[in-house]
Structures are given as structure tokens and as C-alpha cells.
Amino acid sequence: MTATERTPADLLRSALAADPGRPLVTFYDDATGERVELSVATFANWVAKTANLLQGDLSAGPGDRVVLLLPAHWQTAVWLLACSSVGAVADVGGDPASADVVVSGPDTLEAARACGGERVALALRPLGGRFPQPPAGFADYAVEVPGQGDRFAPFAPVDPAEPALVVAGAAFSAAEVVERALADAPSLDLTGPGSRLLSGLPYDSWEGLSAGLYAPLAAGGSVVLCRNLDRLDEERLAQRIESERVTAVRR
């Protein structure tokens, strides 16, 4: 970690400056057959748009709690980095009743209604598609985000020492997220640029978030993020590892 890389958003900015065209997140959903590949530049553009939505339309700022009721998914990764960009606390799987903003997938909408603040719903459909019928009481992410700006600047500076992430009852500052991600990289066989980690772990623990996003980003590598990986047999998994040039696997 350098003096200028003290938050996950800093890591993304460094990755963008170093090689914007390289893959960063490749997502598979083995229940639907979906595959999405996002370069650093494309991922950063989604993060900027989402951060503008979060800060502008949803009025979130440093210290506000954003509860993410979302699975391991490329759009979840975008929201995690958008929260870091704004300085909001990303509370993964937290209590919606305590949230300033709740972000829900299609399977957790009823639980998300406990949030008295802003509510955003993600259809999690292929290609970031919208809901056929928007859920009552929620903004549809796929409708709201395209019109947001492609560049983001926070209204207030983000303090790396302030809380940034809560998962499985553990809280981490932005600097701690970066430090832990860098420390995890060797044990995940992330050796630097070109490292490509396939992760089938859910996003409900630090281990899943680190393998599925933070450690590859910190190490200058990339992640092949797989949802419903248990539906893939060993032969097809081996084919994916080969075709995606995977260098390490966690599942």
C-alpha cells in the first residue's frame, strides 16, 4: 500500500491509471448461463455512475450506512467500490432497519422494506437488465444508473481511518480493507499483474469479499467471480479454468 492507496477506491484509481483495458471482473452465473467481463475502465465507469447515484440522488455521504442485500455478483462489487468512493459504510447483509440506504436483489425485497430511508432494487438480470415491473417503493437501479455522470468527485474527502465495511459482524476501516487485502494476496496465490483468481465463495464473509474482489484488486490481478458454481461439474470447471487462464481457485 502506498501513501496514495489507502482506500479501495484508491486501488481502483491506480488500476485505471496502470492498465485500463485489462480484465478486472469476469462474472459467471451457472444457474442462468450468464457471463460478463468488465475491464478496469468499464468497471470504474459503473462505479463512478453508481457513486454519483449514491451521493446525488440518494443523498448518501461519509458515515452513512448502506446495507447491501446482494449475492456475489459483479453489480455487488460495483456497489462496494461506489460506497468506498463516497465514504459510506457498506454493510453486507446487515439489518435494513438501521440503514440510511438499502440495496436489494430480487429475492430480499420484503426484508429490504424495513429500511426507512432510500431503497434501491437490482434485478440482477443478464447485462444489467431492469425489472419487467419495478418493485413498489424502490428505485430500479438499471433505470436510474445509466443517466448518471461518468466521472465522480466526492463532496467531502474520504477518511481512510473511518468505518468502510461491515460483514459477518466485523467492521473494517477503508485502510484496513486495503491492508487486509494486500496481506491476503500471497495466501490466495495472487502474485501480481496477470494473476487470475476464480472464486466461488459467497460475499457473506471477509474471506469471500477478499477473494472475490479486494485481494485481486489490491494485487493488480483479476477475479473470475462465479455464482452458483456448485452447478458446474469438475470437467466443466476444468474447462473454465483453462479458458479463463485462471491461476488460482477458491471455492
C-alpha atoms as a PDB file:
ATOM      1  CA  MET A   1       0.000   0.000   0.000  1.00  0.00           C
ATOM      2  CA  THR A   2       1.389   3.379  -0.977  1.00  0.00           C
ATOM      3  CA  ALA A   3       0.657   6.725   0.630  1.00  0.00           C
ATOM      4  CA  THR A   4      -1.927   7.391  -2.087  1.00  0.00           C
ATOM      5  CA  GLU A   5      -3.633   3.976  -1.915  1.00  0.00           C
ATOM      6  CA  ARG A   6      -5.458   3.955   1.402  1.00  0.00           C
ATOM      7  CA  THR A   7      -8.999   3.072   0.341  1.00  0.00           C
ATOM      8  CA  PRO A   8     -10.435   0.512  -2.093  1.00  0.00           C
ATOM      9  CA  ALA A   9     -11.408   3.422  -4.350  1.00  0.00           C
ATOM     10  CA  ASP A  10      -7.738   4.460  -4.405  1.00  0.00           C
ATOM     11  CA  LEU A  11      -6.803   0.946  -5.551  1.00  0.00           C
ATOM     12  CA  LEU A  12      -9.291   1.199  -8.397  1.00  0.00           C
ATOM     13  CA  ARG A  13      -7.893   4.575  -9.464  1.00  0.00           C
ATOM     14  CA  SER A  14      -4.381   3.115  -9.518  1.00  0.00           C
ATOM     15  CA  ALA A  15      -5.559   0.133 -11.576  1.00  0.00           C
ATOM     16  CA  LEU A  16      -7.242   2.510 -14.021  1.00  0.00           C
ATOM     17  CA  ALA A  17      -4.057   4.540 -14.412  1.00  0.00           C
ATOM     18  CA  ALA A  18      -1.886   1.448 -14.866  1.00  0.00           C
ATOM     19  CA  ASP A  19      -3.869  -0.556 -17.439  1.00  0.00           C
ATOM     20  CA  PRO A  20      -7.489   0.440 -18.075  1.00  0.00           C
ATOM     21  CA  GLY A  21      -8.058  -2.206 -20.747  1.00  0.00           C
ATOM     22  CA  ARG A  22      -7.192  -5.327 -18.783  1.00  0.00           C
ATOM     23  CA  PRO A  23      -9.958  -7.551 -17.363  1.00  0.00           C
ATOM     24  CA  LEU A  24     -10.803  -6.902 -13.724  1.00  0.00           C
ATOM     25  CA  VAL A  25     -14.038  -8.806 -13.014  1.00  0.00           C
ATOM     26  CA  THR A  26     -15.336 -11.701 -15.089  1.00  0.00           C
ATOM     27  CA  PHE A  27     -18.691 -12.894 -13.757  1.00  0.00           C
ATOM     28  CA  TYR A  28     -20.457 -16.207 -14.301  1.00  0.00           C
ATOM     29  CA  ASP A  29     -23.879 -17.277 -13.069  1.00  0.00           C
ATOM     30  CA  ASP A  30     -24.072 -21.020 -13.533  1.00  0.00           C
ATOM     31  CA  ALA A  31     -27.814 -21.016 -12.883  1.00  0.00           C
ATOM     32  CA  THR A  32     -28.547 -18.814 -15.901  1.00  0.00           C
ATOM     33  CA  GLY A  33     -25.505 -19.255 -18.147  1.00  0.00           C
ATOM     34  CA  GLU A  34     -24.639 -15.553 -17.881  1.00  0.00           C
ATOM     35  CA  ARG A  35     -21.063 -14.385 -18.479  1.00  0.00           C
ATOM     36  CA  VAL A  36     -19.994 -10.754 -18.183  1.00  0.00           C
ATOM     37  CA  GLU A  37     -16.442  -9.460 -18.483  1.00  0.00           C
ATOM     38  CA  LEU A  38     -15.585  -5.990 -17.236  1.00  0.00           C
ATOM     39  CA  SER A  39     -12.294  -4.293 -17.931  1.00  0.00           C
ATOM     40  CA  VAL A  40     -10.852  -1.935 -15.346  1.00  0.00           C
ATOM     41  CA  ALA A  41     -12.211   1.009 -17.366  1.00  0.00           C
ATOM     42  CA  THR A  42     -15.706  -0.447 -17.707  1.00  0.00           C
ATOM     43  CA  PHE A  43     -15.870  -1.430 -14.054  1.00  0.00           C
ATOM     44  CA  ALA A  44     -14.628   2.024 -12.999  1.00  0.00           C
ATOM     45  CA  ASN A  45     -17.314   3.642 -15.165  1.00  0.00           C
ATOM     46  CA  TRP A  46     -20.037   1.616 -13.430  1.00  0.00           C
ATOM     47  CA  VAL A  47     -18.530   2.582 -10.067  1.00  0.00           C
ATOM     48  CA  ALA A  48     -18.496   6.286 -10.975  1.00  0.00           C
ATOM     49  CA  LYS A  49     -22.116   6.216 -12.140  1.00  0.00           C
ATOM     50  CA  THR A  50     -23.209   4.318  -9.028  1.00  0.00           C
ATOM     51  CA  ALA A  51     -21.288   6.654  -6.728  1.00  0.00           C
ATOM     52  CA  ASN A  52     -22.979   9.631  -8.390  1.00  0.00           C
ATOM     53  CA  LEU A  53     -26.366   7.952  -7.853  1.00  0.00           C
ATOM     54  CA  LEU A  54     -25.493   7.234  -4.229  1.00  0.00           C
ATOM     55  CA  GLN A  55     -24.194  10.705  -3.450  1.00  0.00           C
ATOM     56  CA  GLY A  56     -26.548  12.765  -5.604  1.00  0.00           C
ATOM     57  CA  ASP A  57     -29.951  11.106  -5.892  1.00  0.00           C
ATOM     58  CA  LEU A  58     -29.766   9.092  -2.651  1.00  0.00           C
ATOM     59  CA  SER A  59     -28.033  11.818  -0.581  1.00  0.00           C
ATOM     60  CA  ALA A  60     -25.519   9.414   0.983  1.00  0.00           C
ATOM     61  CA  GLY A  61     -22.274  10.726   2.403  1.00  0.00           C
ATOM     62  CA  PRO A  62     -19.398   9.742   4.663  1.00  0.00           C
ATOM     63  CA  GLY A  63     -20.533   7.587   7.566  1.00  0.00           C
ATOM     64  CA  ASP A  64     -23.968   6.782   6.146  1.00  0.00           C
ATOM     65  CA  ARG A  65     -24.836   3.085   6.288  1.00  0.00           C
ATOM     66  CA  VAL A  66     -25.634   1.353   3.007  1.00  0.00           C
ATOM     67  CA  VAL A  67     -26.963  -2.159   3.602  1.00  0.00           C
ATOM     68  CA  LEU A  68     -26.270  -4.471   0.670  1.00  0.00           C
ATOM     69  CA  LEU A  69     -28.689  -7.410   0.463  1.00  0.00           C
ATOM     70  CA  LEU A  70     -26.978  -8.838  -2.584  1.00  0.00           C
ATOM     71  CA  PRO A  71     -25.219 -12.068  -3.604  1.00  0.00           C
ATOM     72  CA  ALA A  72     -21.734 -12.433  -5.026  1.00  0.00           C
ATOM     73  CA  HIS A  73     -22.296 -10.596  -8.311  1.00  0.00           C
ATOM     74  CA  TRP A  74     -20.463  -8.090 -10.461  1.00  0.00           C
ATOM     75  CA  GLN A  75     -23.012  -5.415  -9.572  1.00  0.00           C
ATOM     76  CA  THR A  76     -22.397  -6.056  -5.872  1.00  0.00           C
ATOM     77  CA  ALA A  77     -18.693  -5.456  -6.486  1.00  0.00           C
ATOM     78  CA  VAL A  78     -19.625  -2.161  -8.163  1.00  0.00           C
ATOM     79  CA  TRP A  79     -21.680  -1.102  -5.130  1.00  0.00           C
ATOM     80  CA  LEU A  80     -18.842  -1.966  -2.736  1.00  0.00           C
ATOM     81  CA  LEU A  81     -16.457   0.318  -4.621  1.00  0.00           C
ATOM     82  CA  ALA A  82     -19.119   3.025  -5.017  1.00  0.00           C
ATOM     83  CA  CYS A  83     -19.600   3.084  -1.242  1.00  0.00           C
ATOM     84  CA  SER A  84     -15.840   3.399  -0.831  1.00  0.00           C
ATOM     85  CA  SER A  85     -15.794   6.283  -3.328  1.00  0.00           C
ATOM     86  CA  VAL A  86     -18.457   8.195  -1.382  1.00  0.00           C
ATOM     87  CA  GLY A  87     -17.172   7.273   2.083  1.00  0.00           C
ATOM     88  CA  ALA A  88     -20.352   5.430   3.029  1.00  0.00           C
ATOM     89  CA  VAL A  89     -20.237   2.238   5.092  1.00  0.00           C
ATOM     90  CA  ALA A  90     -21.049  -0.861   3.036  1.00  0.00           C
ATOM     91  CA  ASP A  91     -22.888  -3.184   5.426  1.00  0.00           C
ATOM     92  CA  VAL A  92     -23.058  -6.536   3.660  1.00  0.00           C
ATOM     93  CA  GLY A  93     -26.140  -8.484   4.719  1.00  0.00           C
ATOM     94  CA  GLY A  94     -26.854  -6.052   7.555  1.00  0.00           C
ATOM     95  CA  ASP A  95     -30.140  -5.009   9.146  1.00  0.00           C
ATOM     96  CA  PRO A  96     -32.151  -2.852   6.716  1.00  0.00           C
ATOM     97  CA  ALA A  97     -33.979  -1.210   9.629  1.00  0.00           C
ATOM     98  CA  SER A  98     -30.721   0.512  10.625  1.00  0.00           C
ATOM     99  CA  ALA A  99     -29.787   1.598   7.100  1.00  0.00           C
ATOM    100  CA  ASP A 100     -29.752   5.021   5.519  1.00  0.00           C
ATOM    101  CA  VAL A 101     -29.899   3.266   2.143  1.00  0.00           C
ATOM    102  CA  VAL A 102     -30.744  -0.347   1.342  1.00  0.00           C
ATOM    103  CA  VAL A 103     -29.734  -2.038  -1.906  1.00  0.00           C
ATOM    104  CA  SER A 104     -31.619  -5.266  -2.542  1.00  0.00           C
ATOM    105  CA  GLY A 105     -31.647  -8.073  -5.037  1.00  0.00           C
ATOM    106  CA  PRO A 106     -34.950  -9.553  -6.231  1.00  0.00           C
ATOM    107  CA  ASP A 107     -35.038 -12.215  -3.500  1.00  0.00           C
ATOM    108  CA  THR A 108     -34.743  -9.884  -0.490  1.00  0.00           C
ATOM    109  CA  LEU A 109     -37.208  -7.128  -1.318  1.00  0.00           C
ATOM    110  CA  GLU A 110     -39.546  -7.875   1.579  1.00  0.00           C
ATOM    111  CA  ALA A 111     -36.703  -7.722   4.118  1.00  0.00           C
ATOM    112  CA  ALA A 112     -35.453  -4.508   2.495  1.00  0.00           C
ATOM    113  CA  ARG A 113     -38.779  -2.778   3.133  1.00  0.00           C
ATOM    114  CA  ALA A 114     -37.717  -2.418   6.781  1.00  0.00           C
ATOM    115  CA  CYS A 115     -35.443   0.428   5.676  1.00  0.00           C
ATOM    116  CA  GLY A 116     -36.989   3.808   6.380  1.00  0.00           C
ATOM    117  CA  GLY A 117     -34.501   5.542   4.089  1.00  0.00           C
ATOM    118  CA  GLU A 118     -33.807   5.223   0.399  1.00  0.00           C
ATOM    119  CA  ARG A 119     -34.361   1.851  -1.273  1.00  0.00           C
ATOM    120  CA  VAL A 120     -32.767   0.594  -4.471  1.00  0.00           C
ATOM    121  CA  ALA A 121     -33.586  -2.699  -6.170  1.00  0.00           C
ATOM    122  CA  LEU A 122     -31.391  -4.676  -8.552  1.00  0.00           C
ATOM    123  CA  ALA A 123     -32.999  -7.214 -10.866  1.00  0.00           C
ATOM    124  CA  LEU A 124     -29.607  -8.970 -11.301  1.00  0.00           C
ATOM    125  CA  ARG A 125     -30.658  -9.872 -14.829  1.00  0.00           C
ATOM    126  CA  PRO A 126     -28.138 -10.538 -17.609  1.00  0.00           C
ATOM    127  CA  LEU A 127     -26.485  -7.406 -18.999  1.00  0.00           C
ATOM    128  CA  GLY A 128     -27.715  -5.363 -16.044  1.00  0.00           C
ATOM    129  CA  GLY A 129     -31.327  -5.510 -17.211  1.00  0.00           C
ATOM    130  CA  ARG A 130     -34.193  -3.792 -15.414  1.00  0.00           C
ATOM    131  CA  PHE A 131     -37.210  -5.281 -13.673  1.00  0.00           C
ATOM    132  CA  PRO A 132     -40.136  -6.027 -16.020  1.00  0.00           C
ATOM    133  CA  GLN A 133     -42.296  -4.338 -13.369  1.00  0.00           C
ATOM    134  CA  PRO A 134     -40.470  -2.018 -10.925  1.00  0.00           C
ATOM    135  CA  PRO A 135     -40.971  -3.062  -7.273  1.00  0.00           C
ATOM    136  CA  ALA A 136     -43.188  -0.621  -5.389  1.00  0.00           C
ATOM    137  CA  GLY A 137     -41.221   1.604  -3.041  1.00  0.00           C
ATOM    138  CA  PHE A 138     -37.866   1.017  -4.741  1.00  0.00           C
ATOM    139  CA  ALA A 139     -35.808   2.822  -7.338  1.00  0.00           C
ATOM    140  CA  ASP A 140     -34.807   0.412 -10.122  1.00  0.00           C
ATOM    141  CA  TYR A 141     -31.009   0.561 -10.334  1.00  0.00           C
ATOM    142  CA  ALA A 142     -30.992  -0.352 -14.023  1.00  0.00           C
ATOM    143  CA  VAL A 143     -33.297   2.599 -14.763  1.00  0.00           C
ATOM    144  CA  GLU A 144     -31.542   5.145 -12.557  1.00  0.00           C
ATOM    145  CA  VAL A 145     -27.843   4.482 -13.140  1.00  0.00           C
ATOM    146  CA  PRO A 146     -27.383   4.910 -16.936  1.00  0.00           C
ATOM    147  CA  GLY A 147     -28.049   8.659 -16.817  1.00  0.00           C
ATOM    148  CA  GLN A 148     -25.529   9.315 -14.062  1.00  0.00           C
ATOM    149  CA  GLY A 149     -22.211  11.045 -14.757  1.00  0.00           C
ATOM    150  CA  ASP A 150     -19.171   9.101 -15.897  1.00  0.00           C
ATOM    151  CA  ARG A 151     -16.856  10.982 -13.530  1.00  0.00           C
ATOM    152  CA  PHE A 152     -17.192  11.117  -9.780  1.00  0.00           C
ATOM    153  CA  ALA A 153     -15.849  13.530  -7.165  1.00  0.00           C
ATOM    154  CA  PRO A 154     -16.916  13.197  -3.516  1.00  0.00           C
ATOM    155  CA  PHE A 155     -18.491  16.221  -1.857  1.00  0.00           C
ATOM    156  CA  ALA A 156     -16.355  15.515   1.231  1.00  0.00           C
ATOM    157  CA  PRO A 157     -12.929  13.851   1.465  1.00  0.00           C
ATOM    158  CA  VAL A 158     -12.993  10.153   2.365  1.00  0.00           C
ATOM    159  CA  ASP A 159     -11.111   9.435   5.602  1.00  0.00           C
ATOM    160  CA  PRO A 160      -9.272   6.066   5.330  1.00  0.00           C
ATOM    161  CA  ALA A 161      -9.472   5.655   9.114  1.00  0.00           C
ATOM    162  CA  GLU A 162     -13.266   5.800   9.222  1.00  0.00           C
ATOM    163  CA  PRO A 163     -15.512   2.696   9.034  1.00  0.00           C
ATOM    164  CA  ALA A 164     -15.970   1.490   5.467  1.00  0.00           C
ATOM    165  CA  LEU A 165     -17.132  -2.129   5.549  1.00  0.00           C
ATOM    166  CA  VAL A 166     -19.182  -4.363   7.827  1.00  0.00           C
ATOM    167  CA  VAL A 167     -19.505  -8.070   7.073  1.00  0.00           C
ATOM    168  CA  ALA A 168     -20.379 -11.052   9.286  1.00  0.00           C
ATOM    169  CA  GLY A 169     -20.344  -8.807  12.357  1.00  0.00           C
ATOM    170  CA  ALA A 170     -16.834  -7.461  11.743  1.00  0.00           C
ATOM    171  CA  ALA A 171     -16.163  -3.802  10.920  1.00  0.00           C
ATOM    172  CA  PHE A 172     -13.193  -2.501   8.944  1.00  0.00           C
ATOM    173  CA  SER A 173     -11.929   0.952   8.085  1.00  0.00           C
ATOM    174  CA  ALA A 174     -11.080   1.708   4.467  1.00  0.00           C
ATOM    175  CA  ALA A 175      -7.363   1.456   5.257  1.00  0.00           C
ATOM    176  CA  GLU A 176      -7.909  -1.892   6.997  1.00  0.00           C
ATOM    177  CA  VAL A 177      -9.714  -3.259   3.942  1.00  0.00           C
ATOM    178  CA  VAL A 178      -6.696  -2.362   1.794  1.00  0.00           C
ATOM    179  CA  GLU A 179      -4.170  -3.681   4.316  1.00  0.00           C
ATOM    180  CA  ARG A 180      -6.000  -6.982   4.781  1.00  0.00           C
ATOM    181  CA  ALA A 181      -6.499  -7.433   1.042  1.00  0.00           C
ATOM    182  CA  LEU A 182      -2.783  -6.953   0.418  1.00  0.00           C
ATOM    183  CA  ALA A 183      -1.937  -9.332   3.256  1.00  0.00           C
ATOM    184  CA  ASP A 184      -4.322 -11.963   1.850  1.00  0.00           C
ATOM    185  CA  ALA A 185      -2.891 -11.854  -1.668  1.00  0.00           C
ATOM    186  CA  PRO A 186       0.048 -14.275  -1.164  1.00  0.00           C
ATOM    187  CA  SER A 187      -2.123 -16.935   0.505  1.00  0.00           C
ATOM    188  CA  LEU A 188      -4.564 -16.634  -2.402  1.00  0.00           C
ATOM    189  CA  ASP A 189      -1.687 -17.170  -4.877  1.00  0.00           C
ATOM    190  CA  LEU A 190      -2.090 -13.657  -6.220  1.00  0.00           C
ATOM    191  CA  THR A 191       1.420 -12.755  -7.303  1.00  0.00           C
ATOM    192  CA  GLY A 192       0.774  -9.525  -9.175  1.00  0.00           C
ATOM    193  CA  PRO A 193      -0.359  -8.485 -12.660  1.00  0.00           C
ATOM    194  CA  GLY A 194      -1.579 -11.479 -14.643  1.00  0.00           C
ATOM    195  CA  SER A 195      -2.798 -13.327 -11.557  1.00  0.00           C
ATOM    196  CA  ARG A 196      -6.346 -14.515 -12.106  1.00  0.00           C
ATOM    197  CA  LEU A 197      -8.323 -15.924  -9.199  1.00  0.00           C
ATOM    198  CA  LEU A 198     -11.501 -17.934  -9.703  1.00  0.00           C
ATOM    199  CA  SER A 199     -13.739 -17.523  -6.657  1.00  0.00           C
ATOM    200  CA  GLY A 200     -16.938 -19.417  -5.970  1.00  0.00           C
ATOM    201  CA  LEU A 201     -17.172 -18.083  -2.415  1.00  0.00           C
ATOM    202  CA  PRO A 202     -20.251 -16.080  -1.393  1.00  0.00           C
ATOM    203  CA  TYR A 203     -19.950 -12.437  -0.391  1.00  0.00           C
ATOM    204  CA  ASP A 204     -21.143 -13.090   3.182  1.00  0.00           C
ATOM    205  CA  SER A 205     -17.707 -13.131   4.846  1.00  0.00           C
ATOM    206  CA  TRP A 206     -14.407 -11.282   4.695  1.00  0.00           C
ATOM    207  CA  GLU A 207     -12.889 -14.343   3.001  1.00  0.00           C
ATOM    208  CA  GLY A 208     -15.465 -14.220   0.226  1.00  0.00           C
ATOM    209  CA  LEU A 209     -15.140 -10.478  -0.298  1.00  0.00           C
ATOM    210  CA  SER A 210     -11.352 -10.614  -0.259  1.00  0.00           C
ATOM    211  CA  ALA A 211     -11.076 -13.488  -2.747  1.00  0.00           C
ATOM    212  CA  GLY A 212     -13.963 -12.199  -4.850  1.00  0.00           C
ATOM    213  CA  LEU A 213     -12.867  -8.571  -5.153  1.00  0.00           C
ATOM    214  CA  TYR A 214     -10.486  -6.839  -2.785  1.00  0.00           C
ATOM    215  CA  ALA A 215      -7.372  -9.044  -2.924  1.00  0.00           C
ATOM    216  CA  PRO A 216      -7.269  -9.337  -6.744  1.00  0.00           C
ATOM    217  CA  LEU A 217      -7.760  -5.573  -6.992  1.00  0.00           C
ATOM    218  CA  ALA A 218      -5.016  -4.891  -4.434  1.00  0.00           C
ATOM    219  CA  ALA A 219      -2.599  -7.303  -6.109  1.00  0.00           C
ATOM    220  CA  GLY A 220      -3.094  -5.903  -9.599  1.00  0.00           C
ATOM    221  CA  GLY A 221      -4.763  -9.129 -10.710  1.00  0.00           C
ATOM    222  CA  SER A 222      -8.308 -10.020 -11.667  1.00  0.00           C
ATOM    223  CA  VAL A 223     -11.167 -12.221 -10.467  1.00  0.00           C
ATOM    224  CA  VAL A 224     -13.392 -14.755 -12.169  1.00  0.00           C
ATOM    225  CA  LEU A 225     -16.404 -14.456  -9.861  1.00  0.00           C
ATOM    226  CA  CYS A 226     -18.744 -17.449 -10.052  1.00  0.00           C
ATOM    227  CA  ARG A 227     -22.238 -17.575  -8.632  1.00  0.00           C
ATOM    228  CA  ASN A 228     -23.905 -20.998  -8.290  1.00  0.00           C
ATOM    229  CA  LEU A 229     -20.591 -22.698  -9.010  1.00  0.00           C
ATOM    230  CA  ASP A 230     -21.916 -25.889  -7.390  1.00  0.00           C
ATOM    231  CA  ARG A 231     -23.953 -26.452 -10.558  1.00  0.00           C
ATOM    232  CA  LEU A 232     -20.744 -26.941 -12.539  1.00  0.00           C
ATOM    233  CA  ASP A 233     -19.215 -30.411 -12.681  1.00  0.00           C
ATOM    234  CA  GLU A 234     -15.472 -30.935 -12.384  1.00  0.00           C
ATOM    235  CA  GLU A 235     -14.938 -31.334 -16.120  1.00  0.00           C
ATOM    236  CA  ARG A 236     -16.637 -28.041 -16.967  1.00  0.00           C
ATOM    237  CA  LEU A 237     -14.853 -26.329 -14.094  1.00  0.00           C
ATOM    238  CA  ALA A 238     -11.538 -27.509 -15.511  1.00  0.00           C
ATOM    239  CA  GLN A 239     -12.545 -26.153 -18.920  1.00  0.00           C
ATOM    240  CA  ARG A 240     -13.369 -22.781 -17.388  1.00  0.00           C
ATOM    241  CA  ILE A 241     -10.076 -22.641 -15.518  1.00  0.00           C
ATOM    242  CA  GLU A 242      -8.262 -23.276 -18.779  1.00  0.00           C
ATOM    243  CA  SER A 243     -10.302 -20.931 -20.970  1.00  0.00           C
ATOM    244  CA  GLU A 244     -10.169 -18.072 -18.463  1.00  0.00           C
ATOM    245  CA  ARG A 245      -6.437 -18.571 -17.797  1.00  0.00           C
ATOM    246  CA  VAL A 246      -7.113 -18.954 -14.098  1.00  0.00           C
ATOM    247  CA  THR A 247      -4.015 -19.139 -11.898  1.00  0.00           C
ATOM    248  CA  ALA A 248      -5.702 -19.875  -8.522  1.00  0.00           C
ATOM    249  CA  VAL A 249      -9.063 -21.193  -7.302  1.00  0.00           C
ATOM    250  CA  ARG A 250     -11.051 -20.659  -4.111  1.00  0.00           C
ATOM    251  CA  ARG A 251     -14.422 -22.374  -3.597  1.00  0.00           C
END
